[in-house]
């Protein structure tokens, strides 16, 4: 156990994207508000499930990054009680759950991203809210399903608090998919569980990845990809600020991955292969599969 244990109190959820892959449905409703059915048969928006994932790991405050024009939709769900007439209809069977949603909403703070300039830029918008402490970073369109009694967030936070270094959840992926994902390179500390990260590359070319980004001990046709969950030290904001001030864009946007690579060189970083799965609900087929598997 690391003697300088650092507790994680805050979680950040960027939710300011446009949801273009789900058009035209995303023209009617934000992708983070798309419904899913949990294992109890309760319908809820994706963003609620993500906030609950964070809370399961002992998170006290959740910051959600949104566009200004979408703030009303999100606040209406988390921080506005139903109308009196609607409450009358709900009260008999849903009264306790309404109180639960009120309590959940009290944990949520909304942060505005004035211009949509990439994932890294969205994270940077939270620098003042996060302050000088580590934070859990979840994606606003990802659902996480654990294969154990511990949630995915609990598994990752515990690794961070044990090692005292930024931790990124990773998962094996077929080589041919890596050009659409962040790629992780490192050496195993515990095979198929924990590795010391030595490089992070955003959406590398398949041929380049085959030759340069393979992790020893993995199948020849597999690479390690970002799972979509992170625990980061506040030093990440320094590297994001440098990237933005120097206008270091990738594909026209400020990316997080290059700054994570700088962070791991400065402080070290671990990759954790969690016992669980993540689903990118911003993609139609993945959203369909998430609907099936999240129900359990």
C-alpha atoms as a PDB file:
ATOM      1  CA  UNK A   1       0.000   0.000   0.000  1.00  0.00           C
ATOM      2  CA  UNK A   2       1.332   3.435  -0.933  1.00  0.00           C
ATOM      3  CA  UNK A   3       2.070   5.435   2.222  1.00  0.00           C
ATOM      4  CA  UNK A   4       1.073   8.645   0.420  1.00  0.00           C
ATOM      5  CA  UNK A   5      -2.442   7.481  -0.312  1.00  0.00           C
ATOM      6  CA  UNK A   6      -4.570   9.958  -2.232  1.00  0.00           C
ATOM      7  CA  UNK A   7      -8.341   9.776  -2.003  1.00  0.00           C
ATOM      8  CA  UNK A   8     -10.488  10.464  -5.049  1.00  0.00           C
ATOM      9  CA  UNK A   9     -13.493  12.662  -4.252  1.00  0.00           C
ATOM     10  CA  UNK A  10     -14.460  14.143  -7.610  1.00  0.00           C
ATOM     11  CA  UNK A  11     -15.495  12.742 -10.972  1.00  0.00           C
ATOM     12  CA  UNK A  12     -15.622  14.556 -14.298  1.00  0.00           C
ATOM     13  CA  UNK A  13     -17.957  13.608 -17.152  1.00  0.00           C
ATOM     14  CA  UNK A  14     -17.578  15.463 -20.500  1.00  0.00           C
ATOM     15  CA  UNK A  15     -20.997  15.595 -22.176  1.00  0.00           C
ATOM     16  CA  UNK A  16     -20.682  18.494 -24.612  1.00  0.00           C
ATOM     17  CA  UNK A  17     -20.368  16.597 -27.882  1.00  0.00           C
ATOM     18  CA  UNK A  18     -22.825  16.757 -30.753  1.00  0.00           C
ATOM     19  CA  UNK A  19     -23.670  13.062 -31.069  1.00  0.00           C
ATOM     20  CA  UNK A  20     -23.353  13.117 -34.852  1.00  0.00           C
ATOM     21  CA  UNK A  21     -23.036   9.323 -35.105  1.00  0.00           C
ATOM     22  CA  UNK A  22     -26.578   9.036 -33.692  1.00  0.00           C
ATOM     23  CA  UNK A  23     -28.179  11.593 -36.017  1.00  0.00           C
ATOM     24  CA  UNK A  24     -31.086  12.172 -36.470  1.00  0.00           C
ATOM     25  CA  UNK A  25     -32.050  10.820 -33.025  1.00  0.00           C
ATOM     26  CA  UNK A  26     -29.455  13.128 -31.448  1.00  0.00           C
ATOM     27  CA  UNK A  27     -31.239  16.077 -33.066  1.00  0.00           C
ATOM     28  CA  UNK A  28     -34.226  15.313 -30.847  1.00  0.00           C
ATOM     29  CA  UNK A  29     -32.383  14.511 -27.607  1.00  0.00           C
ATOM     30  CA  UNK A  30     -28.806  14.619 -26.356  1.00  0.00           C
ATOM     31  CA  UNK A  31     -27.083  11.248 -26.671  1.00  0.00           C
ATOM     32  CA  UNK A  32     -26.257  11.308 -22.945  1.00  0.00           C
ATOM     33  CA  UNK A  33     -30.011  11.373 -22.272  1.00  0.00           C
ATOM     34  CA  UNK A  34     -30.798   8.340 -24.413  1.00  0.00           C
ATOM     35  CA  UNK A  35     -32.605   5.697 -22.306  1.00  0.00           C
ATOM     36  CA  UNK A  36     -31.261   2.378 -21.083  1.00  0.00           C
ATOM     37  CA  UNK A  37     -32.897  -0.249 -18.871  1.00  0.00           C
ATOM     38  CA  UNK A  38     -31.008  -1.332 -15.754  1.00  0.00           C
ATOM     39  CA  UNK A  39     -31.018  -4.801 -14.178  1.00  0.00           C
ATOM     40  CA  UNK A  40     -33.993  -3.822 -12.011  1.00  0.00           C
ATOM     41  CA  UNK A  41     -36.055  -3.009 -15.097  1.00  0.00           C
ATOM     42  CA  UNK A  42     -35.922   0.743 -14.504  1.00  0.00           C
ATOM     43  CA  UNK A  43     -35.570   3.074 -17.496  1.00  0.00           C
ATOM     44  CA  UNK A  44     -32.992   5.816 -17.007  1.00  0.00           C
ATOM     45  CA  UNK A  45     -30.853   8.116 -19.154  1.00  0.00           C
ATOM     46  CA  UNK A  46     -27.276   7.074 -19.902  1.00  0.00           C
ATOM     47  CA  UNK A  47     -25.908  10.053 -17.945  1.00  0.00           C
ATOM     48  CA  UNK A  48     -27.654   8.893 -14.764  1.00  0.00           C
ATOM     49  CA  UNK A  49     -26.031   5.467 -15.050  1.00  0.00           C
ATOM     50  CA  UNK A  50     -22.640   7.167 -15.446  1.00  0.00           C
ATOM     51  CA  UNK A  51     -23.137   9.357 -12.379  1.00  0.00           C
ATOM     52  CA  UNK A  52     -24.191   6.265 -10.431  1.00  0.00           C
ATOM     53  CA  UNK A  53     -21.024   4.508 -11.610  1.00  0.00           C
ATOM     54  CA  UNK A  54     -18.982   7.346 -10.132  1.00  0.00           C
ATOM     55  CA  UNK A  55     -20.923   7.383  -6.864  1.00  0.00           C
ATOM     56  CA  UNK A  56     -20.390   3.629  -6.505  1.00  0.00           C
ATOM     57  CA  UNK A  57     -16.663   4.385  -6.068  1.00  0.00           C
ATOM     58  CA  UNK A  58     -17.237   6.804  -3.199  1.00  0.00           C
ATOM     59  CA  UNK A  59     -17.241   9.940  -5.355  1.00  0.00           C
ATOM     60  CA  UNK A  60     -18.750  12.924  -3.549  1.00  0.00           C
ATOM     61  CA  UNK A  61     -19.024  15.456  -6.390  1.00  0.00           C
ATOM     62  CA  UNK A  62     -19.611  14.968 -10.107  1.00  0.00           C
ATOM     63  CA  UNK A  63     -18.861  17.696 -12.646  1.00  0.00           C
ATOM     64  CA  UNK A  64     -20.623  17.377 -16.005  1.00  0.00           C
ATOM     65  CA  UNK A  65     -19.231  19.432 -18.904  1.00  0.00           C
ATOM     66  CA  UNK A  66     -22.013  20.589 -21.240  1.00  0.00           C
ATOM     67  CA  UNK A  67     -22.709  23.106 -23.971  1.00  0.00           C
ATOM     68  CA  UNK A  68     -24.512  26.220 -22.719  1.00  0.00           C
ATOM     69  CA  UNK A  69     -27.488  25.542 -24.971  1.00  0.00           C
ATOM     70  CA  UNK A  70     -27.926  22.060 -23.439  1.00  0.00           C
ATOM     71  CA  UNK A  71     -27.704  23.131 -19.805  1.00  0.00           C
ATOM     72  CA  UNK A  72     -31.473  23.331 -19.346  1.00  0.00           C
ATOM     73  CA  UNK A  73     -32.011  19.713 -20.451  1.00  0.00           C
ATOM     74  CA  UNK A  74     -29.449  18.361 -18.012  1.00  0.00           C
ATOM     75  CA  UNK A  75     -30.505  20.575 -15.100  1.00  0.00           C
ATOM     76  CA  UNK A  76     -34.137  19.695 -15.685  1.00  0.00           C
ATOM     77  CA  UNK A  77     -33.336  16.045 -15.131  1.00  0.00           C
ATOM     78  CA  UNK A  78     -30.911  16.274 -12.228  1.00  0.00           C
ATOM     79  CA  UNK A  79     -32.048  19.354 -10.339  1.00  0.00           C
ATOM     80  CA  UNK A  80     -35.717  20.019 -11.070  1.00  0.00           C
ATOM     81  CA  UNK A  81     -38.549  18.100  -9.455  1.00  0.00           C
ATOM     82  CA  UNK A  82     -41.504  16.974 -11.578  1.00  0.00           C
ATOM     83  CA  UNK A  83     -44.588  19.200 -11.730  1.00  0.00           C
ATOM     84  CA  UNK A  84     -47.188  18.762  -9.000  1.00  0.00           C
ATOM     85  CA  UNK A  85     -49.560  16.927 -11.316  1.00  0.00           C
ATOM     86  CA  UNK A  86     -46.817  14.558 -12.458  1.00  0.00           C
ATOM     87  CA  UNK A  87     -45.774  14.031  -8.839  1.00  0.00           C
ATOM     88  CA  UNK A  88     -49.319  12.990  -7.962  1.00  0.00           C
ATOM     89  CA  UNK A  89     -49.161  10.327 -10.666  1.00  0.00           C
ATOM     90  CA  UNK A  90     -45.758   9.128  -9.446  1.00  0.00           C
ATOM     91  CA  UNK A  91     -46.088   9.470  -5.707  1.00  0.00           C
ATOM     92  CA  UNK A  92     -47.664   6.116  -4.857  1.00  0.00           C
ATOM     93  CA  UNK A  93     -44.955   3.937  -6.429  1.00  0.00           C
ATOM     94  CA  UNK A  94     -42.063   6.289  -7.157  1.00  0.00           C
ATOM     95  CA  UNK A  95     -41.906   8.634  -4.181  1.00  0.00           C
ATOM     96  CA  UNK A  96     -38.716   7.158  -2.724  1.00  0.00           C
ATOM     97  CA  UNK A  97     -37.035   7.153  -6.114  1.00  0.00           C
ATOM     98  CA  UNK A  98     -37.864  10.819  -6.665  1.00  0.00           C
ATOM     99  CA  UNK A  99     -36.092  11.570  -3.383  1.00  0.00           C
ATOM    100  CA  UNK A 100     -33.155   9.446  -4.520  1.00  0.00           C
ATOM    101  CA  UNK A 101     -32.871  11.441  -7.758  1.00  0.00           C
ATOM    102  CA  UNK A 102     -32.944  14.678  -5.753  1.00  0.00           C
ATOM    103  CA  UNK A 103     -30.059  13.422  -3.623  1.00  0.00           C
ATOM    104  CA  UNK A 104     -28.130  12.293  -6.702  1.00  0.00           C
ATOM    105  CA  UNK A 105     -28.662  15.686  -8.336  1.00  0.00           C
ATOM    106  CA  UNK A 106     -27.210  17.457  -5.302  1.00  0.00           C
ATOM    107  CA  UNK A 107     -23.858  15.872  -6.120  1.00  0.00           C
ATOM    108  CA  UNK A 108     -23.841  17.276  -9.660  1.00  0.00           C
ATOM    109  CA  UNK A 109     -22.203  20.523 -10.803  1.00  0.00           C
ATOM    110  CA  UNK A 110     -22.506  21.702 -14.409  1.00  0.00           C
ATOM    111  CA  UNK A 111     -19.496  23.161 -16.210  1.00  0.00           C
ATOM    112  CA  UNK A 112     -19.770  24.976 -19.541  1.00  0.00           C
ATOM    113  CA  UNK A 113     -17.598  24.320 -22.585  1.00  0.00           C
ATOM    114  CA  UNK A 114     -18.106  27.457 -24.673  1.00  0.00           C
ATOM    115  CA  UNK A 115     -16.540  26.024 -27.830  1.00  0.00           C
ATOM    116  CA  UNK A 116     -16.331  22.352 -28.802  1.00  0.00           C
ATOM    117  CA  UNK A 117     -12.626  21.878 -29.500  1.00  0.00           C
ATOM    118  CA  UNK A 118     -12.019  18.277 -28.518  1.00  0.00           C
ATOM    119  CA  UNK A 119     -11.897  15.892 -25.587  1.00  0.00           C
ATOM    120  CA  UNK A 120      -8.789  17.481 -24.107  1.00  0.00           C
ATOM    121  CA  UNK A 121     -10.373  20.925 -24.267  1.00  0.00           C
ATOM    122  CA  UNK A 122     -13.505  19.624 -22.503  1.00  0.00           C
ATOM    123  CA  UNK A 123     -11.395  18.228 -19.659  1.00  0.00           C
ATOM    124  CA  UNK A 124      -9.448  21.483 -19.421  1.00  0.00           C
ATOM    125  CA  UNK A 125     -12.701  23.396 -18.899  1.00  0.00           C
ATOM    126  CA  UNK A 126     -12.942  21.704 -15.481  1.00  0.00           C
ATOM    127  CA  UNK A 127      -9.517  22.723 -14.165  1.00  0.00           C
ATOM    128  CA  UNK A 128     -10.812  25.271 -11.648  1.00  0.00           C
ATOM    129  CA  UNK A 129     -13.607  23.007 -10.441  1.00  0.00           C
ATOM    130  CA  UNK A 130     -11.285  20.024 -10.003  1.00  0.00           C
ATOM    131  CA  UNK A 131      -8.624  22.070  -8.251  1.00  0.00           C
ATOM    132  CA  UNK A 132      -5.462  20.489  -6.886  1.00  0.00           C
ATOM    133  CA  UNK A 133      -6.663  16.927  -6.376  1.00  0.00           C
ATOM    134  CA  UNK A 134      -6.939  13.697  -8.349  1.00  0.00           C
ATOM    135  CA  UNK A 135     -10.198  12.960 -10.160  1.00  0.00           C
ATOM    136  CA  UNK A 136     -12.073  10.142 -11.844  1.00  0.00           C
ATOM    137  CA  UNK A 137     -12.767  10.784 -15.535  1.00  0.00           C
ATOM    138  CA  UNK A 138     -15.685   8.981 -17.180  1.00  0.00           C
ATOM    139  CA  UNK A 139     -16.997   9.421 -20.711  1.00  0.00           C
ATOM    140  CA  UNK A 140     -20.464  10.892 -21.110  1.00  0.00           C
ATOM    141  CA  UNK A 141     -21.533   8.316 -23.686  1.00  0.00           C
ATOM    142  CA  UNK A 142     -20.015   5.161 -22.163  1.00  0.00           C
ATOM    143  CA  UNK A 143     -21.769   2.555 -20.067  1.00  0.00           C
ATOM    144  CA  UNK A 144     -19.656   0.377 -17.816  1.00  0.00           C
ATOM    145  CA  UNK A 145     -20.648  -3.147 -16.802  1.00  0.00           C
ATOM    146  CA  UNK A 146     -18.623  -4.986 -14.186  1.00  0.00           C
ATOM    147  CA  UNK A 147     -18.212  -8.752 -14.213  1.00  0.00           C
ATOM    148  CA  UNK A 148     -17.700  -8.776 -10.430  1.00  0.00           C
ATOM    149  CA  UNK A 149     -19.393  -7.373  -7.326  1.00  0.00           C
ATOM    150  CA  UNK A 150     -17.106  -4.324  -7.580  1.00  0.00           C
ATOM    151  CA  UNK A 151     -18.025  -1.698 -10.157  1.00  0.00           C
ATOM    152  CA  UNK A 152     -15.467  -0.802 -12.805  1.00  0.00           C
ATOM    153  CA  UNK A 153     -14.970   2.586 -11.136  1.00  0.00           C
ATOM    154  CA  UNK A 154     -14.252   0.961  -7.766  1.00  0.00           C
ATOM    155  CA  UNK A 155     -11.663  -1.321  -9.360  1.00  0.00           C
ATOM    156  CA  UNK A 156      -9.822   1.581 -11.003  1.00  0.00           C
ATOM    157  CA  UNK A 157      -9.988   3.984  -8.059  1.00  0.00           C
ATOM    158  CA  UNK A 158      -8.584   1.311  -5.745  1.00  0.00           C
ATOM    159  CA  UNK A 159      -5.611   0.806  -8.063  1.00  0.00           C
ATOM    160  CA  UNK A 160      -4.922   4.541  -8.141  1.00  0.00           C
ATOM    161  CA  UNK A 161      -5.141   4.836  -4.383  1.00  0.00           C
ATOM    162  CA  UNK A 162      -2.802   1.881  -3.943  1.00  0.00           C
ATOM    163  CA  UNK A 163      -0.143   3.006  -6.434  1.00  0.00           C
ATOM    164  CA  UNK A 164      -0.497   6.789  -6.151  1.00  0.00           C
ATOM    165  CA  UNK A 165      -0.126   7.216  -9.924  1.00  0.00           C
ATOM    166  CA  UNK A 166      -2.560   8.142 -12.656  1.00  0.00           C
ATOM    167  CA  UNK A 167      -4.415   5.017 -13.754  1.00  0.00           C
ATOM    168  CA  UNK A 168      -6.082   4.258 -17.081  1.00  0.00           C
ATOM    169  CA  UNK A 169      -8.417   1.345 -17.670  1.00  0.00           C
ATOM    170  CA  UNK A 170      -7.353  -0.691 -20.699  1.00  0.00           C
ATOM    171  CA  UNK A 171      -8.741  -3.596 -22.675  1.00  0.00           C
ATOM    172  CA  UNK A 172      -7.506  -5.879 -25.477  1.00  0.00           C
ATOM    173  CA  UNK A 173      -8.821  -4.998 -28.913  1.00  0.00           C
ATOM    174  CA  UNK A 174      -8.322  -6.504 -32.386  1.00  0.00           C
ATOM    175  CA  UNK A 175      -5.525  -4.817 -34.306  1.00  0.00           C
ATOM    176  CA  UNK A 176      -7.869  -3.725 -37.096  1.00  0.00           C
ATOM    177  CA  UNK A 177      -9.937  -1.544 -34.725  1.00  0.00           C
ATOM    178  CA  UNK A 178      -7.054   0.456 -33.235  1.00  0.00           C
ATOM    179  CA  UNK A 179      -7.202   3.278 -35.802  1.00  0.00           C
ATOM    180  CA  UNK A 180     -10.452   4.333 -34.100  1.00  0.00           C
ATOM    181  CA  UNK A 181      -9.159   4.151 -30.525  1.00  0.00           C
ATOM    182  CA  UNK A 182      -6.430   5.288 -28.177  1.00  0.00           C
ATOM    183  CA  UNK A 183      -3.609   2.733 -27.926  1.00  0.00           C
ATOM    184  CA  UNK A 184      -1.582   1.883 -24.802  1.00  0.00           C
ATOM    185  CA  UNK A 185       1.940   0.446 -24.667  1.00  0.00           C
ATOM    186  CA  UNK A 186       3.763  -0.772 -21.570  1.00  0.00           C
ATOM    187  CA  UNK A 187       5.250  -3.666 -19.645  1.00  0.00           C
ATOM    188  CA  UNK A 188       3.201  -5.979 -17.466  1.00  0.00           C
ATOM    189  CA  UNK A 189       3.511  -5.764 -13.701  1.00  0.00           C
ATOM    190  CA  UNK A 190       0.864  -8.478 -13.369  1.00  0.00           C
ATOM    191  CA  UNK A 191       0.084 -10.173 -16.691  1.00  0.00           C
ATOM    192  CA  UNK A 192      -3.379  -9.327 -18.040  1.00  0.00           C
ATOM    193  CA  UNK A 193      -4.091  -7.172 -14.965  1.00  0.00           C
ATOM    194  CA  UNK A 194      -1.651  -4.313 -14.423  1.00  0.00           C
ATOM    195  CA  UNK A 195       1.068  -2.696 -16.506  1.00  0.00           C
ATOM    196  CA  UNK A 196       3.463   0.222 -16.342  1.00  0.00           C
ATOM    197  CA  UNK A 197       2.508   2.471 -19.260  1.00  0.00           C
ATOM    198  CA  UNK A 198       5.325   3.711 -21.468  1.00  0.00           C
ATOM    199  CA  UNK A 199       3.408   5.268 -24.376  1.00  0.00           C
ATOM    200  CA  UNK A 200      -0.070   6.413 -25.402  1.00  0.00           C
ATOM    201  CA  UNK A 201      -0.994   7.024 -29.037  1.00  0.00           C
ATOM    202  CA  UNK A 202      -4.284   8.412 -30.336  1.00  0.00           C
ATOM    203  CA  UNK A 203      -5.874   6.433 -33.198  1.00  0.00           C
ATOM    204  CA  UNK A 204      -2.665   5.107 -34.741  1.00  0.00           C
ATOM    205  CA  UNK A 205      -2.383   3.716 -38.246  1.00  0.00           C
ATOM    206  CA  UNK A 206      -2.932  -0.054 -38.217  1.00  0.00           C
ATOM    207  CA  UNK A 207       0.369  -0.918 -39.898  1.00  0.00           C
ATOM    208  CA  UNK A 208       2.312   1.383 -37.584  1.00  0.00           C
ATOM    209  CA  UNK A 209       0.546  -0.073 -34.552  1.00  0.00           C
ATOM    210  CA  UNK A 210       1.327  -3.654 -35.597  1.00  0.00           C
ATOM    211  CA  UNK A 211       5.020  -2.866 -35.858  1.00  0.00           C
ATOM    212  CA  UNK A 212       5.482  -0.512 -32.907  1.00  0.00           C
ATOM    213  CA  UNK A 213       2.661  -0.727 -30.353  1.00  0.00           C
ATOM    214  CA  UNK A 214       2.314  -4.415 -29.547  1.00  0.00           C
ATOM    215  CA  UNK A 215       2.538  -5.337 -25.847  1.00  0.00           C
ATOM    216  CA  UNK A 216       4.677  -8.365 -25.049  1.00  0.00           C
ATOM    217  CA  UNK A 217       2.658 -11.360 -23.925  1.00  0.00           C
ATOM    218  CA  UNK A 218      -0.475 -10.444 -25.857  1.00  0.00           C
ATOM    219  CA  UNK A 219      -1.818 -12.305 -28.868  1.00  0.00           C
ATOM    220  CA  UNK A 220      -0.249 -11.201 -32.148  1.00  0.00           C
ATOM    221  CA  UNK A 221      -3.555  -9.858 -33.458  1.00  0.00           C
ATOM    222  CA  UNK A 222      -4.380  -7.854 -30.307  1.00  0.00           C
ATOM    223  CA  UNK A 223      -3.363  -4.472 -28.927  1.00  0.00           C
ATOM    224  CA  UNK A 224      -4.240  -2.644 -25.727  1.00  0.00           C
ATOM    225  CA  UNK A 225      -6.842   0.099 -26.126  1.00  0.00           C
ATOM    226  CA  UNK A 226      -8.291   2.733 -23.819  1.00  0.00           C
ATOM    227  CA  UNK A 227     -11.349   1.408 -21.980  1.00  0.00           C
ATOM    228  CA  UNK A 228     -12.879   4.851 -21.416  1.00  0.00           C
ATOM    229  CA  UNK A 229     -12.196   5.387 -17.696  1.00  0.00           C
ATOM    230  CA  UNK A 230      -9.307   7.209 -16.006  1.00  0.00           C
ATOM    231  CA  UNK A 231      -8.104   8.422 -12.614  1.00  0.00           C
ATOM    232  CA  UNK A 232      -5.760  11.356 -13.167  1.00  0.00           C
ATOM    233  CA  UNK A 233      -3.599  13.616 -11.061  1.00  0.00           C
ATOM    234  CA  UNK A 234      -4.229  17.378 -11.428  1.00  0.00           C
ATOM    235  CA  UNK A 235      -0.902  17.734 -13.252  1.00  0.00           C
ATOM    236  CA  UNK A 236      -2.800  16.762 -16.403  1.00  0.00           C
ATOM    237  CA  UNK A 237      -4.135  20.334 -16.529  1.00  0.00           C
ATOM    238  CA  UNK A 238      -0.602  21.706 -16.914  1.00  0.00           C
ATOM    239  CA  UNK A 239      -0.044  19.628 -20.049  1.00  0.00           C
ATOM    240  CA  UNK A 240      -3.488  20.500 -21.401  1.00  0.00           C
ATOM    241  CA  UNK A 241      -2.779  24.197 -20.864  1.00  0.00           C
ATOM    242  CA  UNK A 242       0.520  23.938 -22.747  1.00  0.00           C
ATOM    243  CA  UNK A 243      -1.229  22.103 -25.582  1.00  0.00           C
ATOM    244  CA  UNK A 244      -3.931  24.763 -25.859  1.00  0.00           C
ATOM    245  CA  UNK A 245      -1.593  27.749 -25.511  1.00  0.00           C
ATOM    246  CA  UNK A 246       0.668  26.330 -28.226  1.00  0.00           C
ATOM    247  CA  UNK A 247      -2.310  25.345 -30.392  1.00  0.00           C
ATOM    248  CA  UNK A 248      -1.177  21.720 -30.560  1.00  0.00           C
ATOM    249  CA  UNK A 249      -4.141  20.176 -32.345  1.00  0.00           C
ATOM    250  CA  UNK A 250      -4.667  16.691 -33.714  1.00  0.00           C
ATOM    251  CA  UNK A 251      -7.335  16.327 -36.408  1.00  0.00           C
ATOM    252  CA  UNK A 252      -8.306  19.926 -35.685  1.00  0.00           C
ATOM    253  CA  UNK A 253      -8.961  19.379 -31.957  1.00  0.00           C
ATOM    254  CA  UNK A 254      -7.162  19.398 -28.637  1.00  0.00           C
ATOM    255  CA  UNK A 255      -6.787  15.750 -27.691  1.00  0.00           C
ATOM    256  CA  UNK A 256      -6.321  14.249 -24.252  1.00  0.00           C
ATOM    257  CA  UNK A 257      -4.109  11.336 -25.316  1.00  0.00           C
ATOM    258  CA  UNK A 258      -0.985  13.361 -26.168  1.00  0.00           C
ATOM    259  CA  UNK A 259      -1.237  15.095 -22.787  1.00  0.00           C
ATOM    260  CA  UNK A 260      -1.646  11.755 -21.041  1.00  0.00           C
ATOM    261  CA  UNK A 261       1.539  10.621 -22.752  1.00  0.00           C
ATOM    262  CA  UNK A 262       3.337  13.690 -21.393  1.00  0.00           C
ATOM    263  CA  UNK A 263       1.880  13.019 -17.939  1.00  0.00           C
ATOM    264  CA  UNK A 264       3.126   9.425 -17.897  1.00  0.00           C
ATOM    265  CA  UNK A 265       6.625  10.577 -18.844  1.00  0.00           C
ATOM    266  CA  UNK A 266       6.604  13.092 -15.996  1.00  0.00           C
ATOM    267  CA  UNK A 267       4.987  11.050 -13.217  1.00  0.00           C
ATOM    268  CA  UNK A 268       4.579   7.475 -14.350  1.00  0.00           C
ATOM    269  CA  UNK A 269       1.212   5.863 -15.054  1.00  0.00           C
ATOM    270  CA  UNK A 270      -0.394   2.452 -14.706  1.00  0.00           C
ATOM    271  CA  UNK A 271      -2.794   0.630 -16.985  1.00  0.00           C
ATOM    272  CA  UNK A 272      -5.445  -1.564 -15.400  1.00  0.00           C
ATOM    273  CA  UNK A 273      -7.281  -4.326 -17.219  1.00  0.00           C
ATOM    274  CA  UNK A 274     -10.584  -4.308 -15.345  1.00  0.00           C
ATOM    275  CA  UNK A 275     -12.984  -7.156 -14.845  1.00  0.00           C
ATOM    276  CA  UNK A 276     -15.737  -5.582 -16.885  1.00  0.00           C
ATOM    277  CA  UNK A 277     -16.836  -4.124 -20.203  1.00  0.00           C
ATOM    278  CA  UNK A 278     -17.516  -0.673 -21.594  1.00  0.00           C
ATOM    279  CA  UNK A 279     -19.957   0.277 -24.335  1.00  0.00           C
ATOM    280  CA  UNK A 280     -19.714   3.405 -26.479  1.00  0.00           C
ATOM    281  CA  UNK A 281     -23.401   4.333 -26.658  1.00  0.00           C
ATOM    282  CA  UNK A 282     -22.523   7.101 -29.115  1.00  0.00           C
ATOM    283  CA  UNK A 283     -22.340   4.406 -31.814  1.00  0.00           C
ATOM    284  CA  UNK A 284     -25.630   2.857 -32.962  1.00  0.00           C
ATOM    285  CA  UNK A 285     -24.568  -0.793 -32.858  1.00  0.00           C
ATOM    286  CA  UNK A 286     -22.762  -0.413 -29.522  1.00  0.00           C
ATOM    287  CA  UNK A 287     -25.807   1.375 -28.096  1.00  0.00           C
ATOM    288  CA  UNK A 288     -28.005  -1.507 -29.219  1.00  0.00           C
ATOM    289  CA  UNK A 289     -25.680  -4.013 -27.549  1.00  0.00           C
ATOM    290  CA  UNK A 290     -25.535  -1.898 -24.384  1.00  0.00           C
ATOM    291  CA  UNK A 291     -29.332  -1.968 -24.180  1.00  0.00           C
ATOM    292  CA  UNK A 292     -29.178  -5.764 -24.149  1.00  0.00           C
ATOM    293  CA  UNK A 293     -26.264  -6.265 -21.752  1.00  0.00           C
ATOM    294  CA  UNK A 294     -26.985  -3.426 -19.294  1.00  0.00           C
ATOM    295  CA  UNK A 295     -30.366  -5.007 -18.587  1.00  0.00           C
ATOM    296  CA  UNK A 296     -28.527  -8.149 -17.455  1.00  0.00           C
END
